[in-house]
Structure formats: structure tokens, C-alpha cells
PDB file of N, CA and C in Angstrom:
ATOM      1  N   MET A   1       7.408   3.235  11.080  1.00  0.00           N
ATOM      2  CA  MET A   1       6.194   3.689  11.739  1.00  0.00           C
ATOM      3  C   MET A   1       5.332   2.478  12.058  1.00  0.00           C
ATOM      4  N   ASP A   2       4.594   2.605  13.127  1.00  0.00           N
ATOM      5  CA  ASP A   2       3.730   1.500  13.486  1.00  0.00           C
ATOM      6  C   ASP A   2       2.350   1.669  12.859  1.00  0.00           C
ATOM      7  N   PHE A   3       1.531   0.679  13.086  1.00  0.00           N
ATOM      8  CA  PHE A   3       0.209   0.606  12.462  1.00  0.00           C
ATOM      9  C   PHE A   3      -0.654   1.818  12.777  1.00  0.00           C
ATOM     10  N   LEU A   4      -0.764   2.174  14.054  1.00  0.00           N
ATOM     11  CA  LEU A   4      -1.644   3.280  14.437  1.00  0.00           C
ATOM     12  C   LEU A   4      -1.089   4.635  14.012  1.00  0.00           C
ATOM     13  N   SER A   5       0.226   4.753  13.870  1.00  0.00           N
ATOM     14  CA  SER A   5       0.791   6.014  13.375  1.00  0.00           C
ATOM     15  C   SER A   5       0.390   6.258  11.928  1.00  0.00           C
ATOM     16  N   TRP A   6       0.387   5.193  11.111  1.00  0.00           N
ATOM     17  CA  TRP A   6      -0.047   5.355   9.721  1.00  0.00           C
ATOM     18  C   TRP A   6      -1.510   5.757   9.661  1.00  0.00           C
ATOM     19  N   ASN A   7      -2.326   5.234  10.572  1.00  0.00           N
ATOM     20  CA  ASN A   7      -3.739   5.613  10.577  1.00  0.00           C
ATOM     21  C   ASN A   7      -3.883   7.101  10.873  1.00  0.00           C
ATOM     22  N   GLN A   8      -3.095   7.634  11.799  1.00  0.00           N
ATOM     23  CA  GLN A   8      -3.161   9.058  12.113  1.00  0.00           C
ATOM     24  C   GLN A   8      -2.675   9.911  10.948  1.00  0.00           C
ATOM     25  N   VAL A   9      -1.657   9.454  10.240  1.00  0.00           N
ATOM     26  CA  VAL A   9      -1.168  10.181   9.064  1.00  0.00           C
ATOM     27  C   VAL A   9      -2.252  10.230   7.988  1.00  0.00           C
ATOM     28  N   VAL A  10      -2.920   9.103   7.762  1.00  0.00           N
ATOM     29  CA  VAL A  10      -3.977   9.044   6.746  1.00  0.00           C
ATOM     30  C   VAL A  10      -5.116   9.991   7.094  1.00  0.00           C
ATOM     31  N   ILE A  11      -5.531  10.005   8.351  1.00  0.00           N
ATOM     32  CA  ILE A  11      -6.616  10.896   8.772  1.00  0.00           C
ATOM     33  C   ILE A  11      -6.196  12.360   8.619  1.00  0.00           C
ATOM     34  N   GLY A  12      -4.965  12.686   9.004  1.00  0.00           N
ATOM     35  CA  GLY A  12      -4.487  14.062   8.892  1.00  0.00           C
ATOM     36  C   GLY A  12      -4.389  14.543   7.454  1.00  0.00           C
ATOM     37  N   VAL A  13      -3.831  13.706   6.580  1.00  0.00           N
ATOM     38  CA  VAL A  13      -3.707  14.093   5.166  1.00  0.00           C
ATOM     39  C   VAL A  13      -5.088  14.217   4.525  1.00  0.00           C
ATOM     40  N   GLY A  14      -5.998  13.319   4.867  1.00  0.00           N
ATOM     41  CA  GLY A  14      -7.350  13.375   4.303  1.00  0.00           C
ATOM     42  C   GLY A  14      -8.112  14.614   4.743  1.00  0.00           C
ATOM     43  N   CYS A  15      -8.048  14.932   6.028  1.00  0.00           N
ATOM     44  CA  CYS A  15      -8.746  16.125   6.532  1.00  0.00           C
ATOM     45  C   CYS A  15      -8.108  17.408   6.000  1.00  0.00           C
ATOM     46  N   GLY A  16      -6.785  17.444   5.961  1.00  0.00           N
ATOM     47  CA  GLY A  16      -6.106  18.622   5.413  1.00  0.00           C
ATOM     48  C   GLY A  16      -6.424  18.818   3.943  1.00  0.00           C
ATOM     49  N   GLY A  17      -6.440  17.729   3.188  1.00  0.00           N
ATOM     50  CA  GLY A  17      -6.793  17.829   1.774  1.00  0.00           C
ATOM     51  C   GLY A  17      -8.224  18.283   1.568  1.00  0.00           C
ATOM     52  N   GLY A  18      -9.126  17.831   2.439  1.00  0.00           N
ATOM     53  CA  GLY A  18     -10.521  18.267   2.343  1.00  0.00           C
ATOM     54  C   GLY A  18     -10.683  19.747   2.623  1.00  0.00           C
ATOM     55  N   VAL A  19      -9.948  20.249   3.611  1.00  0.00           N
ATOM     56  CA  VAL A  19     -10.016  21.684   3.931  1.00  0.00           C
ATOM     57  C   VAL A  19      -9.461  22.514   2.776  1.00  0.00           C
ATOM     58  N   VAL A  20      -8.327  22.092   2.219  1.00  0.00           N
ATOM     59  CA  VAL A  20      -7.736  22.820   1.086  1.00  0.00           C
ATOM     60  C   VAL A  20      -8.670  22.773  -0.116  1.00  0.00           C
ATOM     61  N   LEU A  21      -9.297  21.626  -0.345  1.00  0.00           N
ATOM     62  CA  LEU A  21     -10.246  21.493  -1.453  1.00  0.00           C
ATOM     63  C   LEU A  21     -11.416  22.457  -1.289  1.00  0.00           C
ATOM     64  N   LEU A  22     -11.991  22.511  -0.102  1.00  0.00           N
ATOM     65  CA  LEU A  22     -13.120  23.419   0.133  1.00  0.00           C
ATOM     66  C   LEU A  22     -12.713  24.884   0.018  1.00  0.00           C
ATOM     67  N   LEU A  23     -11.552  25.232   0.560  1.00  0.00           N
ATOM     68  CA  LEU A  23     -11.098  26.622   0.445  1.00  0.00           C
ATOM     69  C   LEU A  23     -10.841  27.005  -1.011  1.00  0.00           C
ATOM     70  N   GLY A  24     -10.280  26.090  -1.778  1.00  0.00           N
ATOM     71  CA  GLY A  24     -10.048  26.365  -3.192  1.00  0.00           C
ATOM     72  C   GLY A  24     -11.344  26.542  -3.964  1.00  0.00           C
ATOM     73  N   LEU A  25     -12.342  25.719  -3.629  1.00  0.00           N
ATOM     74  CA  LEU A  25     -13.626  25.860  -4.318  1.00  0.00           C
ATOM     75  C   LEU A  25     -14.363  27.129  -3.904  1.00  0.00           C
ATOM     76  N   LEU A  26     -14.284  27.475  -2.618  1.00  0.00           N
ATOM     77  CA  LEU A  26     -14.943  28.703  -2.163  1.00  0.00           C
ATOM     78  C   LEU A  26     -14.285  29.950  -2.748  1.00  0.00           C
ATOM     79  N   ALA A  27     -12.977  29.917  -2.925  1.00  0.00           N
ATOM     80  CA  ALA A  27     -12.265  31.065  -3.482  1.00  0.00           C
ATOM     81  C   ALA A  27     -12.253  31.054  -5.010  1.00  0.00           C
ATOM     82  N   SER A  28     -12.781  30.003  -5.608  1.00  0.00           N
ATOM     83  CA  SER A  28     -12.810  29.825  -7.072  1.00  0.00           C
ATOM     84  C   SER A  28     -11.413  29.835  -7.683  1.00  0.00           C
ATOM     85  N   VAL A  29     -10.461  29.285  -6.942  1.00  0.00           N
ATOM     86  CA  VAL A  29      -9.100  29.103  -7.448  1.00  0.00           C
ATOM     87  C   VAL A  29      -8.928  27.599  -7.618  1.00  0.00           C
ATOM     88  N   TYR A  30      -9.069  27.161  -8.850  1.00  0.00           N
ATOM     89  CA  TYR A  30      -9.205  25.730  -9.076  1.00  0.00           C
ATOM     90  C   TYR A  30      -7.890  24.968  -8.953  1.00  0.00           C
ATOM     91  N   TRP A  31      -6.746  25.626  -9.070  1.00  0.00           N
ATOM     92  CA  TRP A  31      -5.502  24.889  -8.883  1.00  0.00           C
ATOM     93  C   TRP A  31      -5.290  24.566  -7.410  1.00  0.00           C
ATOM     94  N   ILE A  32      -5.828  25.399  -6.509  1.00  0.00           N
ATOM     95  CA  ILE A  32      -5.778  25.075  -5.079  1.00  0.00           C
ATOM     96  C   ILE A  32      -6.720  23.914  -4.782  1.00  0.00           C
ATOM     97  N   ALA A  33      -7.894  23.932  -5.393  1.00  0.00           N
ATOM     98  CA  ALA A  33      -8.838  22.828  -5.212  1.00  0.00           C
ATOM     99  C   ALA A  33      -8.263  21.534  -5.768  1.00  0.00           C
ATOM    100  N   LEU A  34      -7.541  21.626  -6.856  1.00  0.00           N
ATOM    101  CA  LEU A  34      -6.910  20.442  -7.437  1.00  0.00           C
ATOM    102  C   LEU A  34      -5.831  19.881  -6.509  1.00  0.00           C
ATOM    103  N   ALA A  35      -5.090  20.765  -5.843  1.00  0.00           N
ATOM    104  CA  ALA A  35      -4.084  20.309  -4.875  1.00  0.00           C
ATOM    105  C   ALA A  35      -4.748  19.615  -3.687  1.00  0.00           C
ATOM    106  N   GLY A  36      -5.880  20.117  -3.238  1.00  0.00           N
ATOM    107  CA  GLY A  36      -6.618  19.464  -2.147  1.00  0.00           C
ATOM    108  C   GLY A  36      -7.148  18.109  -2.553  1.00  0.00           C
ATOM    109  N   ALA A  37      -7.649  18.005  -3.786  1.00  0.00           N
ATOM    110  CA  ALA A  37      -8.137  16.719  -4.275  1.00  0.00           C
ATOM    111  C   ALA A  37      -6.987  15.718  -4.402  1.00  0.00           C
ATOM    112  N   ALA A  38      -5.814  16.200  -4.814  1.00  0.00           N
ATOM    113  CA  ALA A  38      -4.651  15.320  -4.913  1.00  0.00           C
ATOM    114  C   ALA A  38      -4.230  14.828  -3.528  1.00  0.00           C
ATOM    115  N   ALA A  39      -4.291  15.692  -2.532  1.00  0.00           N
ATOM    116  CA  ALA A  39      -3.956  15.272  -1.168  1.00  0.00           C
ATOM    117  C   ALA A  39      -4.941  14.230  -0.654  1.00  0.00           C
ATOM    118  N   MET A  40      -6.201  14.385  -0.987  1.00  0.00           N
ATOM    119  CA  MET A  40      -7.182  13.384  -0.578  1.00  0.00           C
ATOM    120  C   MET A  40      -6.941  12.049  -1.278  1.00  0.00           C
ATOM    121  N   LEU A  41      -6.529  12.086  -2.533  1.00  0.00           N
ATOM    122  CA  LEU A  41      -6.201  10.841  -3.235  1.00  0.00           C
ATOM    123  C   LEU A  41      -4.965  10.172  -2.632  1.00  0.00           C
ATOM    124  N   VAL A  42      -4.006  10.966  -2.195  1.00  0.00           N
ATOM    125  CA  VAL A  42      -2.837  10.409  -1.513  1.00  0.00           C
ATOM    126  C   VAL A  42      -3.261   9.742  -0.207  1.00  0.00           C
ATOM    127  N   ALA A  43      -4.200  10.353   0.514  1.00  0.00           N
ATOM    128  CA  ALA A  43      -4.691   9.755   1.757  1.00  0.00           C
ATOM    129  C   ALA A  43      -5.363   8.414   1.497  1.00  0.00           C
ATOM    130  N   VAL A  44      -6.140   8.320   0.432  1.00  0.00           N
ATOM    131  CA  VAL A  44      -6.787   7.056   0.092  1.00  0.00           C
ATOM    132  C   VAL A  44      -5.749   6.004  -0.275  1.00  0.00           C
ATOM    133  N   ALA A  45      -4.725   6.407  -1.011  1.00  0.00           N
ATOM    134  CA  ALA A  45      -3.670   5.460  -1.384  1.00  0.00           C
ATOM    135  C   ALA A  45      -2.902   4.985  -0.152  1.00  0.00           C
ATOM    136  N   LEU A  46      -2.580   5.893   0.763  1.00  0.00           N
ATOM    137  CA  LEU A  46      -1.899   5.499   1.989  1.00  0.00           C
ATOM    138  C   LEU A  46      -2.758   4.561   2.824  1.00  0.00           C
ATOM    139  N   TRP A  47      -4.042   4.839   2.898  1.00  0.00           N
ATOM    140  CA  TRP A  47      -4.944   3.968   3.648  1.00  0.00           C
ATOM    141  C   TRP A  47      -4.988   2.575   3.023  1.00  0.00           C
ATOM    142  N   ALA A  48      -5.061   2.520   1.710  1.00  0.00           N
ATOM    143  CA  ALA A  48      -5.131   1.229   1.030  1.00  0.00           C
ATOM    144  C   ALA A  48      -3.858   0.409   1.213  1.00  0.00           C
ATOM    145  N   ILE A  49      -2.725   1.080   1.356  1.00  0.00           N
ATOM    146  CA  ILE A  49      -1.455   0.364   1.485  1.00  0.00           C
ATOM    147  C   ILE A  49      -1.153   0.008   2.932  1.00  0.00           C
ATOM    148  N   PHE A  50      -1.307   0.957   3.851  1.00  0.00           N
ATOM    149  CA  PHE A  50      -0.754   0.786   5.189  1.00  0.00           C
ATOM    150  C   PHE A  50      -1.764   0.482   6.282  1.00  0.00           C
ATOM    151  N   VAL A  51      -3.044   0.785   6.119  1.00  0.00           N
ATOM    152  CA  VAL A  51      -4.011   0.558   7.189  1.00  0.00           C
ATOM    153  C   VAL A  51      -4.778  -0.728   6.888  1.00  0.00           C
ATOM    154  N   ARG A  52      -4.067  -1.832   7.076  1.00  0.00           N
ATOM    155  CA  ARG A  52      -4.652  -3.153   6.912  1.00  0.00           C
ATOM    156  C   ARG A  52      -3.945  -4.108   7.855  1.00  0.00           C
ATOM    157  N   CYS A  53      -4.571  -5.216   8.086  1.00  0.00           N
ATOM    158  CA  CYS A  53      -4.015  -6.201   9.003  1.00  0.00           C
ATOM    159  C   CYS A  53      -2.752  -6.802   8.390  1.00  0.00           C
ATOM    160  N   PRO A  54      -1.667  -6.863   9.143  1.00  0.00           N
ATOM    161  CA  PRO A  54      -0.434  -7.420   8.592  1.00  0.00           C
ATOM    162  C   PRO A  54      -0.486  -8.938   8.405  1.00  0.00           C
ATOM    163  N   VAL A  55      -1.470  -9.608   8.986  1.00  0.00           N
ATOM    164  CA  VAL A  55      -1.555 -11.062   8.877  1.00  0.00           C
ATOM    165  C   VAL A  55      -2.518 -11.482   7.769  1.00  0.00           C
ATOM    166  N   CYS A  56      -3.776 -11.023   7.847  1.00  0.00           N
ATOM    167  CA  CYS A  56      -4.778 -11.458   6.854  1.00  0.00           C
ATOM    168  C   CYS A  56      -4.961 -10.447   5.727  1.00  0.00           C
ATOM    169  N   HIS A  57      -4.353  -9.273   5.815  1.00  0.00           N
ATOM    170  CA  HIS A  57      -4.363  -8.225   4.779  1.00  0.00           C
ATOM    171  C   HIS A  57      -5.756  -7.690   4.464  1.00  0.00           C
ATOM    172  N   LYS A  58      -6.648  -7.681   5.438  1.00  0.00           N
ATOM    173  CA  LYS A  58      -7.971  -7.072   5.271  1.00  0.00           C
ATOM    174  C   LYS A  58      -7.887  -5.596   5.676  1.00  0.00           C
ATOM    175  N   GLN A  59      -8.599  -4.742   4.952  1.00  0.00           N
ATOM    176  CA  GLN A  59      -8.635  -3.326   5.297  1.00  0.00           C
ATOM    177  C   GLN A  59      -9.393  -3.141   6.603  1.00  0.00           C
ATOM    178  N   ILE A  60      -8.900  -2.251   7.458  1.00  0.00           N
ATOM    179  CA  ILE A  60      -9.518  -2.004   8.752  1.00  0.00           C
ATOM    180  C   ILE A  60     -10.051  -0.575   8.733  1.00  0.00           C
ATOM    181  N   PHE A  61     -11.368  -0.445   8.805  1.00  0.00           N
ATOM    182  CA  PHE A  61     -11.996   0.856   8.630  1.00  0.00           C
ATOM    183  C   PHE A  61     -11.870   1.737   9.872  1.00  0.00           C
ATOM    184  N   TYR A  62     -12.025   1.180  11.048  1.00  0.00           N
ATOM    185  CA  TYR A  62     -11.941   1.967  12.276  1.00  0.00           C
ATOM    186  C   TYR A  62     -10.698   1.552  13.050  1.00  0.00           C
ATOM    187  N   ALA A  63      -9.528   1.790  12.464  1.00  0.00           N
ATOM    188  CA  ALA A  63      -8.268   1.333  13.049  1.00  0.00           C
ATOM    189  C   ALA A  63      -7.962   2.045  14.356  1.00  0.00           C
ATOM    190  N   HIS A  64      -8.420   3.274  14.523  1.00  0.00           N
ATOM    191  CA  HIS A  64      -8.108   4.014  15.744  1.00  0.00           C
ATOM    192  C   HIS A  64      -8.925   3.518  16.933  1.00  0.00           C
ATOM    193  N   LYS A  65      -9.914   2.663  16.687  1.00  0.00           N
ATOM    194  CA  LYS A  65     -10.773   2.182  17.769  1.00  0.00           C
ATOM    195  C   LYS A  65     -10.527   0.733  18.139  1.00  0.00           C
ATOM    196  N   CYS A  66      -9.594   0.064  17.478  1.00  0.00           N
ATOM    197  CA  CYS A  66      -9.429  -1.351  17.762  1.00  0.00           C
ATOM    198  C   CYS A  66      -7.969  -1.711  18.008  1.00  0.00           C
ATOM    199  N   ASN A  67      -7.768  -2.675  18.863  1.00  0.00           N
ATOM    200  CA  ASN A  67      -6.436  -3.206  19.130  1.00  0.00           C
ATOM    201  C   ASN A  67      -6.231  -4.556  18.466  1.00  0.00           C
ATOM    202  N   TYR A  68      -7.310  -5.150  17.986  1.00  0.00           N
ATOM    203  CA  TYR A  68      -7.253  -6.461  17.361  1.00  0.00           C
ATOM    204  C   TYR A  68      -7.925  -6.406  15.992  1.00  0.00           C
ATOM    205  N   CYS A  69      -7.467  -7.234  15.072  1.00  0.00           N
ATOM    206  CA  CYS A  69      -8.097  -7.323  13.759  1.00  0.00           C
ATOM    207  C   CYS A  69      -9.473  -7.961  13.920  1.00  0.00           C
ATOM    208  N   PRO A  70     -10.521  -7.368  13.329  1.00  0.00           N
ATOM    209  CA  PRO A  70     -11.851  -7.957  13.475  1.00  0.00           C
ATOM    210  C   PRO A  70     -12.005  -9.281  12.725  1.00  0.00           C
ATOM    211  N   CYS A  71     -11.136  -9.570  11.768  1.00  0.00           N
ATOM    212  CA  CYS A  71     -11.265 -10.814  11.001  1.00  0.00           C
ATOM    213  C   CYS A  71     -10.493 -11.973  11.622  1.00  0.00           C
ATOM    214  N   CYS A  72      -9.208 -11.754  11.910  1.00  0.00           N
ATOM    215  CA  CYS A  72      -8.380 -12.868  12.380  1.00  0.00           C
ATOM    216  C   CYS A  72      -8.018 -12.771  13.857  1.00  0.00           C
ATOM    217  N   GLY A  73      -8.254 -11.637  14.501  1.00  0.00           N
ATOM    218  CA  GLY A  73      -7.961 -11.484  15.916  1.00  0.00           C
ATOM    219  C   GLY A  73      -6.515 -11.164  16.243  1.00  0.00           C
ATOM    220  N   GLU A  74      -5.711 -10.819  15.245  1.00  0.00           N
ATOM    221  CA  GLU A  74      -4.296 -10.503  15.466  1.00  0.00           C
ATOM    222  C   GLU A  74      -4.163  -9.222  16.290  1.00  0.00           C
ATOM    223  N   LYS A  75      -3.186  -9.177  17.196  1.00  0.00           N
ATOM    224  CA  LYS A  75      -2.933  -7.983  18.012  1.00  0.00           C
ATOM    225  C   LYS A  75      -2.269  -6.930  17.136  1.00  0.00           C
ATOM    226  N   LEU A  76      -2.963  -5.832  16.904  1.00  0.00           N
ATOM    227  CA  LEU A  76      -2.461  -4.781  16.016  1.00  0.00           C
ATOM    228  C   LEU A  76      -1.481  -3.854  16.714  1.00  0.00           C
ATOM    229  N   TYR A  77      -1.482  -3.805  18.023  1.00  0.00           N
ATOM    230  CA  TYR A  77      -0.587  -2.899  18.727  1.00  0.00           C
ATOM    231  C   TYR A  77       0.846  -3.422  18.742  1.00  0.00           C
ATOM    232  N   ARG A  78       1.087  -4.616  18.245  1.00  0.00           N
ATOM    233  CA  ARG A  78       2.445  -5.152  18.158  1.00  0.00           C
ATOM    234  C   ARG A  78       3.174  -4.632  16.919  1.00  0.00           C
ATOM    235  N   TYR A  79       2.461  -4.053  15.981  1.00  0.00           N
ATOM    236  CA  TYR A  79       3.064  -3.645  14.711  1.00  0.00           C
ATOM    237  C   TYR A  79       3.255  -2.152  14.646  1.00  0.00           C
TER     238      TYR A  79
END
């Protein structure tokens, strides 16, 4: 997978986990809320591992809006 695909996966898992977490809390079914919280933690772990510059290894917060690393200027669309 390329750089921007991982960013989309992270956003999808994070939003899906947030929705499941809220539904579990609203329904007072805490094992569903726990599954949503676990999905959100997986999204954070994926972001920490895969959504960073391959050259300088800095985390990129708005990866979907940039084609270049804000720190070193590396072209991110090549990865």
C-alpha cells in the first residue's frame, strides 16, 4: 500500500471505531463500546507506524492535504 492509502485506512478505522464506541455507550452495552475503543486504539497505532515521512520519519498530521513532507520536502506521492 502506498502512503496515502494508509492515511485513508487510518481515518476509516478511527471514524468507524468512534461510531461503534458512541453506539455502545448510548445503548449501555459496554462490550460494544470496548470494541469501538479498541478500534480507535488500532487507528492510532496504524497512524503512528505508517503515516510518517519515509525519509525523515516525522509524523504528518494532515497527510491527505499534502504531497510533500513539511519538514524535509520529500515527495510523498512516490511512496
